[in-house]
Protein backbone atom coordinates (compact mmCIF):
# COMPACT_ATOMS: atom_id res chain seq x y z
CA MET A 1 3.59 9.60 8.00
CA THR A 2 6.92 9.20 6.28
CA LYS A 3 9.50 11.49 7.85
CA ILE A 4 12.12 13.10 5.78
CA ALA A 5 15.48 14.34 6.86
CA PHE A 6 17.73 16.80 4.73
CA ILE A 7 21.22 16.77 5.50
CA GLY A 8 22.39 20.21 4.47
CA ALA A 9 20.26 23.39 4.01
CA GLY A 10 21.52 25.02 0.79
CA ASN A 11 19.46 26.23 -2.15
CA MET A 12 18.51 22.67 -3.41
CA ALA A 13 17.56 21.53 -0.04
CA LYS A 14 15.47 24.74 0.57
CA ALA A 15 13.73 24.44 -2.73
CA ILE A 16 12.69 20.94 -2.10
CA VAL A 17 11.45 21.70 1.47
CA ILE A 18 9.38 24.63 0.18
CA GLY A 19 7.86 22.50 -2.62
CA LEU A 20 6.94 19.67 -0.13
CA VAL A 21 5.37 21.88 2.30
CA ASN A 22 3.50 24.01 -0.31
CA ASN A 23 2.16 20.26 -1.52
CA GLY A 24 0.74 19.66 1.74
CA VAL A 25 3.30 17.60 3.54
CA ALA A 26 3.34 18.17 7.16
CA PRO A 27 6.28 20.57 8.25
CA LYS A 28 6.80 18.46 11.44
CA SER A 29 7.47 15.54 9.26
CA ILE A 30 10.63 17.24 7.82
CA MET A 31 13.75 17.83 9.65
CA VAL A 32 16.65 20.02 8.33
CA ALA A 33 20.26 19.15 9.71
CA ASN A 34 22.95 21.81 8.96
CA PRO A 35 26.14 23.12 10.74
CA SER A 36 25.10 26.75 9.83
CA GLU A 37 22.49 28.01 12.47
CA HIS A 38 21.34 30.74 10.03
CA LYS A 39 20.20 28.55 7.25
CA ARG A 40 18.35 25.94 9.18
CA ILE A 41 16.58 28.33 11.58
CA ALA A 42 15.47 30.58 8.80
CA LEU A 43 13.86 27.41 7.22
CA ALA A 44 12.26 26.36 10.53
CA ASN A 45 10.99 29.90 11.29
CA GLU A 46 9.58 30.27 7.53
CA LEU A 47 8.05 26.83 7.12
CA GLY A 48 7.70 25.30 10.60
CA VAL A 49 9.94 22.51 9.89
CA LEU A 50 12.24 20.85 12.46
CA GLN A 51 15.72 21.80 12.62
CA THR A 52 18.96 20.57 14.24
CA SER A 53 22.89 21.01 14.17
CA ASP A 54 23.19 17.20 14.43
CA ASN A 55 23.35 14.90 11.43
CA ILE A 56 22.75 11.82 13.65
CA GLU A 57 19.50 13.24 15.16
CA ALA A 58 18.07 14.06 11.85
CA ALA A 59 19.01 10.53 10.43
CA GLN A 60 17.43 8.78 13.48
CA PHE A 61 14.36 11.03 13.04
CA ALA A 62 13.66 10.07 9.32
CA ASP A 63 12.65 7.32 7.19
CA VAL A 64 14.13 9.02 4.18
CA ILE A 65 17.55 10.85 4.42
CA VAL A 66 18.23 13.45 1.55
CA LEU A 67 21.83 14.05 1.18
CA CYS A 68 22.13 17.66 0.06
CA VAL A 69 25.85 18.19 0.80
CA LYS A 70 28.80 18.69 -1.55
CA PRO A 71 30.02 15.61 -3.26
CA TYR A 72 33.40 15.50 -1.38
CA LEU A 73 31.52 15.37 2.02
CA ILE A 74 28.98 12.52 0.84
CA ALA A 75 31.40 9.57 2.24
CA GLN A 76 32.17 11.52 5.61
CA VAL A 77 28.46 12.24 6.31
CA CYS A 78 27.41 8.68 5.34
CA GLN A 79 30.12 6.95 7.40
CA GLN A 80 28.99 9.25 10.35
CA ILE A 81 25.46 8.16 9.96
CA SER A 82 26.23 4.46 9.49
CA LYS A 83 28.16 4.20 12.58
CA ALA A 84 25.91 5.89 14.90
CA ILE A 85 22.45 4.44 14.00
CA ASP A 86 21.35 0.72 14.16
CA ASN A 87 18.31 0.67 12.05
CA ILE A 88 19.99 1.82 8.81
CA ALA A 89 18.55 -1.03 6.68
CA THR A 90 14.97 0.45 7.25
CA LYS A 91 15.85 3.60 5.79
CA SER A 92 16.34 5.01 2.26
CA PHE A 93 18.94 7.61 1.08
CA ILE A 94 18.26 10.01 -1.72
CA SER A 95 21.34 11.92 -2.95
CA VAL A 96 21.50 14.96 -5.19
CA ALA A 97 25.32 15.00 -5.25
CA ALA A 98 26.79 14.89 -8.64
CA GLY A 99 29.73 12.52 -9.57
CA THR A 100 29.00 10.26 -6.36
CA THR A 101 27.78 6.73 -7.65
CA VAL A 102 25.24 4.37 -5.92
CA ALA A 103 28.26 1.95 -5.12
CA GLN A 104 30.14 4.94 -3.60
CA ILE A 105 27.34 5.81 -1.18
CA GLN A 106 26.60 2.26 -0.21
CA GLN A 107 30.33 1.56 0.53
CA ALA A 108 30.43 4.62 2.71
CA LEU A 109 27.14 3.26 4.52
CA GLY A 110 28.74 0.00 4.89
CA GLY A 111 26.18 -2.07 3.20
CA ASN A 112 23.91 -2.36 0.13
CA TYR A 113 21.23 -0.26 1.29
CA SER A 114 18.33 1.66 -0.71
CA VAL A 115 19.85 4.45 -2.46
CA ILE A 116 18.29 6.90 -5.02
CA ARG A 117 20.58 9.20 -7.00
CA VAL A 118 18.75 12.36 -8.14
CA MET A 119 20.06 14.88 -10.81
CA PRO A 120 18.05 18.12 -10.28
CA ASN A 121 18.70 21.48 -11.90
CA THR A 122 18.43 25.08 -10.40
CA PRO A 123 15.01 25.79 -11.66
CA THR A 124 13.95 23.44 -8.98
CA GLN A 125 14.15 26.72 -6.74
CA VAL A 126 11.24 28.28 -8.74
CA GLY A 127 9.30 24.97 -8.75
CA LEU A 128 10.03 24.48 -12.51
CA GLY A 129 12.95 21.84 -12.03
CA MET A 130 13.79 18.74 -14.17
CA SER A 131 15.19 15.87 -12.27
CA GLY A 132 16.43 12.37 -13.37
CA LEU A 133 16.31 9.63 -10.83
CA PHE A 134 17.95 6.08 -10.71
CA ALA A 135 17.23 3.81 -7.75
CA SER A 136 19.53 0.91 -6.64
CA THR A 137 17.92 -2.54 -6.77
CA GLN A 138 17.19 -2.51 -2.93
CA VAL A 139 14.84 0.40 -3.26
CA SER A 140 11.27 -0.45 -2.55
CA ALA A 141 8.11 0.87 -4.47
CA GLN A 142 7.16 2.83 -1.71
CA GLN A 143 10.49 4.32 -1.33
CA LYS A 144 10.50 5.10 -5.19
CA GLN A 145 7.01 6.75 -4.49
CA THR A 146 8.25 8.74 -1.81
CA ALA A 147 11.27 9.96 -3.96
CA GLU A 148 8.86 10.83 -6.79
CA GLN A 149 6.65 12.88 -4.38
CA LEU A 150 9.83 14.98 -3.23
CA MET A 151 11.00 15.78 -6.65
CA SER A 152 7.61 16.27 -8.24
CA ALA A 153 6.98 18.93 -5.54
CA VAL A 154 9.42 21.21 -7.43
CA GLY A 155 9.22 20.09 -11.10
CA LYS A 156 9.14 17.11 -13.28
CA ILE A 157 10.85 13.75 -13.24
CA ILE A 158 12.00 11.02 -15.27
CA TRP A 159 13.24 7.62 -14.05
CA LEU A 160 16.40 6.41 -15.49
CA LYS A 161 17.13 2.80 -16.51
CA THR A 162 20.80 2.92 -15.85
CA GLU A 163 23.04 4.97 -13.54
CA ASP A 164 25.05 6.02 -16.51
CA GLN A 165 22.26 8.06 -17.70
CA ILE A 166 22.64 10.46 -14.74
CA ASP A 167 25.72 11.88 -16.57
CA ASP A 168 23.47 12.33 -19.55
CA VAL A 169 20.91 14.28 -17.48
CA ILE A 170 23.53 16.42 -16.15
CA ALA A 171 24.48 17.64 -19.63
CA VAL A 172 20.68 18.01 -20.72
CA ALA A 173 19.04 19.41 -17.94
CA GLY A 174 21.43 19.73 -14.89
CA SER A 175 23.98 22.03 -16.23
CA ALA A 176 21.76 23.30 -18.96
CA PRO A 177 20.33 26.25 -17.34
CA ALA A 178 23.70 27.88 -17.50
CA TYR A 179 23.91 27.39 -21.19
CA PHE A 180 20.52 29.33 -21.59
CA PHE A 181 21.89 32.03 -19.14
CA LEU A 182 24.99 32.26 -21.25
CA PHE A 183 23.15 32.72 -24.41
CA MET A 184 20.83 35.15 -23.06
CA GLU A 185 23.86 37.05 -21.45
CA ALA A 186 25.20 37.52 -24.97
CA MET A 187 21.98 38.73 -26.37
CA GLU A 188 21.64 41.12 -23.56
CA LYS A 189 25.20 42.55 -23.86
CA HIS A 190 24.60 43.10 -27.65
CA ALA A 191 21.22 44.65 -27.08
CA GLN A 192 23.14 47.18 -24.87
CA GLN A 193 25.50 47.83 -27.70
CA LEU A 194 22.83 48.48 -30.04
CA GLY A 195 21.69 51.24 -27.86
CA PHE A 196 19.07 49.69 -25.53
CA SER A 197 19.30 50.56 -21.77
CA ALA A 198 20.48 47.73 -19.24
CA GLN A 199 16.68 47.54 -18.09
CA GLU A 200 15.39 47.32 -21.66
CA SER A 201 17.90 44.91 -22.74
CA ARG A 202 17.17 42.75 -19.81
CA MET A 203 13.36 42.88 -20.42
CA LEU A 204 13.67 42.22 -24.25
CA VAL A 205 15.57 39.09 -23.54
CA GLU A 206 13.89 37.60 -20.54
CA GLN A 207 10.36 38.13 -21.94
CA THR A 208 11.49 36.68 -25.30
CA ALA A 209 12.99 33.68 -23.56
CA LEU A 210 9.86 33.21 -21.26
CA GLY A 211 7.75 33.41 -24.30
CA ALA A 212 9.47 30.88 -26.43
CA ALA A 213 9.76 28.39 -23.55
CA GLN A 214 5.87 28.80 -22.94
CA MET A 215 5.25 28.09 -26.76
CA VAL A 216 7.26 24.96 -26.41
CA VAL A 217 5.36 23.96 -23.17
CA GLN A 218 1.91 24.86 -24.70
CA ASN A 219 2.40 23.38 -28.22
CA ASN A 220 2.53 19.69 -28.80
CA VAL A 221 4.48 19.92 -31.95
CA PRO A 222 8.20 19.26 -32.54
CA ILE A 223 10.41 22.24 -31.64
CA SER A 224 11.80 22.13 -35.18
CA GLN A 225 8.46 23.04 -36.37
CA LEU A 226 8.15 25.85 -33.84
CA ARG A 227 11.16 27.20 -35.32
CA GLU A 228 10.27 26.82 -38.92
CA ASN A 229 6.86 28.49 -37.97
CA VAL A 230 8.81 31.98 -37.25
CA THR A 231 11.40 31.64 -40.18
CA SER A 232 10.21 33.13 -43.40
CA LYS A 233 12.19 32.53 -46.36
CA GLY A 234 14.62 35.43 -47.09
CA GLY A 235 13.63 37.21 -43.79
CA THR A 236 15.55 38.40 -40.74
CA THR A 237 15.03 35.05 -38.72
CA GLN A 238 16.44 32.95 -41.43
CA ALA A 239 19.36 35.20 -41.95
CA ALA A 240 20.17 35.03 -38.13
CA LEU A 241 19.66 30.97 -38.09
CA MET A 242 21.93 30.73 -41.23
CA GLN A 243 24.71 32.64 -39.50
CA PHE A 244 24.42 30.22 -36.38
CA LYS A 245 24.53 27.31 -38.47
CA GLN A 246 27.55 28.69 -40.44
CA ASP A 247 29.42 29.39 -37.17
CA GLY A 248 28.65 25.67 -36.11
CA LEU A 249 25.94 26.27 -33.27
CA GLU A 250 24.89 22.55 -33.13
CA GLU A 251 28.49 21.32 -32.97
CA ILE A 252 29.15 23.89 -30.27
CA VAL A 253 26.24 22.55 -28.44
CA ALA A 254 26.97 18.92 -28.86
CA ASN A 255 30.75 19.64 -27.75
CA ALA A 256 29.55 21.37 -24.67
CA MET A 257 27.14 18.61 -23.62
CA ASN A 258 29.89 16.06 -24.13
CA ALA A 259 32.29 18.05 -22.00
CA ALA A 260 29.77 18.08 -19.15
CA ILE A 261 29.43 14.29 -19.48
CA LYS A 262 33.20 13.74 -19.41
CA ARG A 263 33.60 15.95 -16.43
CA ALA A 264 30.79 13.97 -14.49
CA LYS A 265 32.64 10.78 -15.32
CA GLU A 266 35.84 12.40 -14.10
CA MET A 267 34.12 13.56 -10.79
CA ALA A 268 33.00 9.99 -10.09
CA GLN A 269 36.71 8.75 -10.29
CA GLU A 270 37.80 11.63 -8.05
CA THR A 271 35.26 10.83 -5.11
């Protein structure tokens, strides 16, 4: 049985742990390490997983070590683990930290060990995540399969051919839920200005967004076709879409995504 340790017990770690247990992974094969007693004990009580305040204990326990700490802590945690355990070469490391490269993680570990970078997004917390994965050349087929099992428990995955694509995944999926939230927020605000109550505005926006997303999922046609299907010539939808185009929506979206990619590359230089 593969043993998995999570270094950090934040929202992403919690989401993955819940997904694993719900998909039949034995709770006693999972250990969560976190300095905050409240978070790790809450997970242990809720799911039956093991917990500790000691990163070294978790690393020694596990075959797979999932790094769920802030990017600025990655090097410190990896150095701590590498100095304390002897069989580090038998383990694989999975990092969900943005802006921290495979090379930087391996350098902190003190060797070219097995490292997989994962770029998930926040819908992982409700089992609807989208993650991009990139594996170093040292990662075995079995280790890749374990990483797939981890992230497939909380959504869908794609394997990336190059590490640079991690930054692209950040722009398209990692940061993207916030794009939709911003759009929904703007719609909700204007709905209230039109006279709907806060509760009515929220329901109108969230149900429409949910329905539109489900139509994309359930209809194997281009998204552009779905848009055309609800756009009558000379109608209200066409008027709204023409205004979006006039205001440069496509350029705004492209610029925002490129800004996310640029910032991801800057973060890698800062780490």
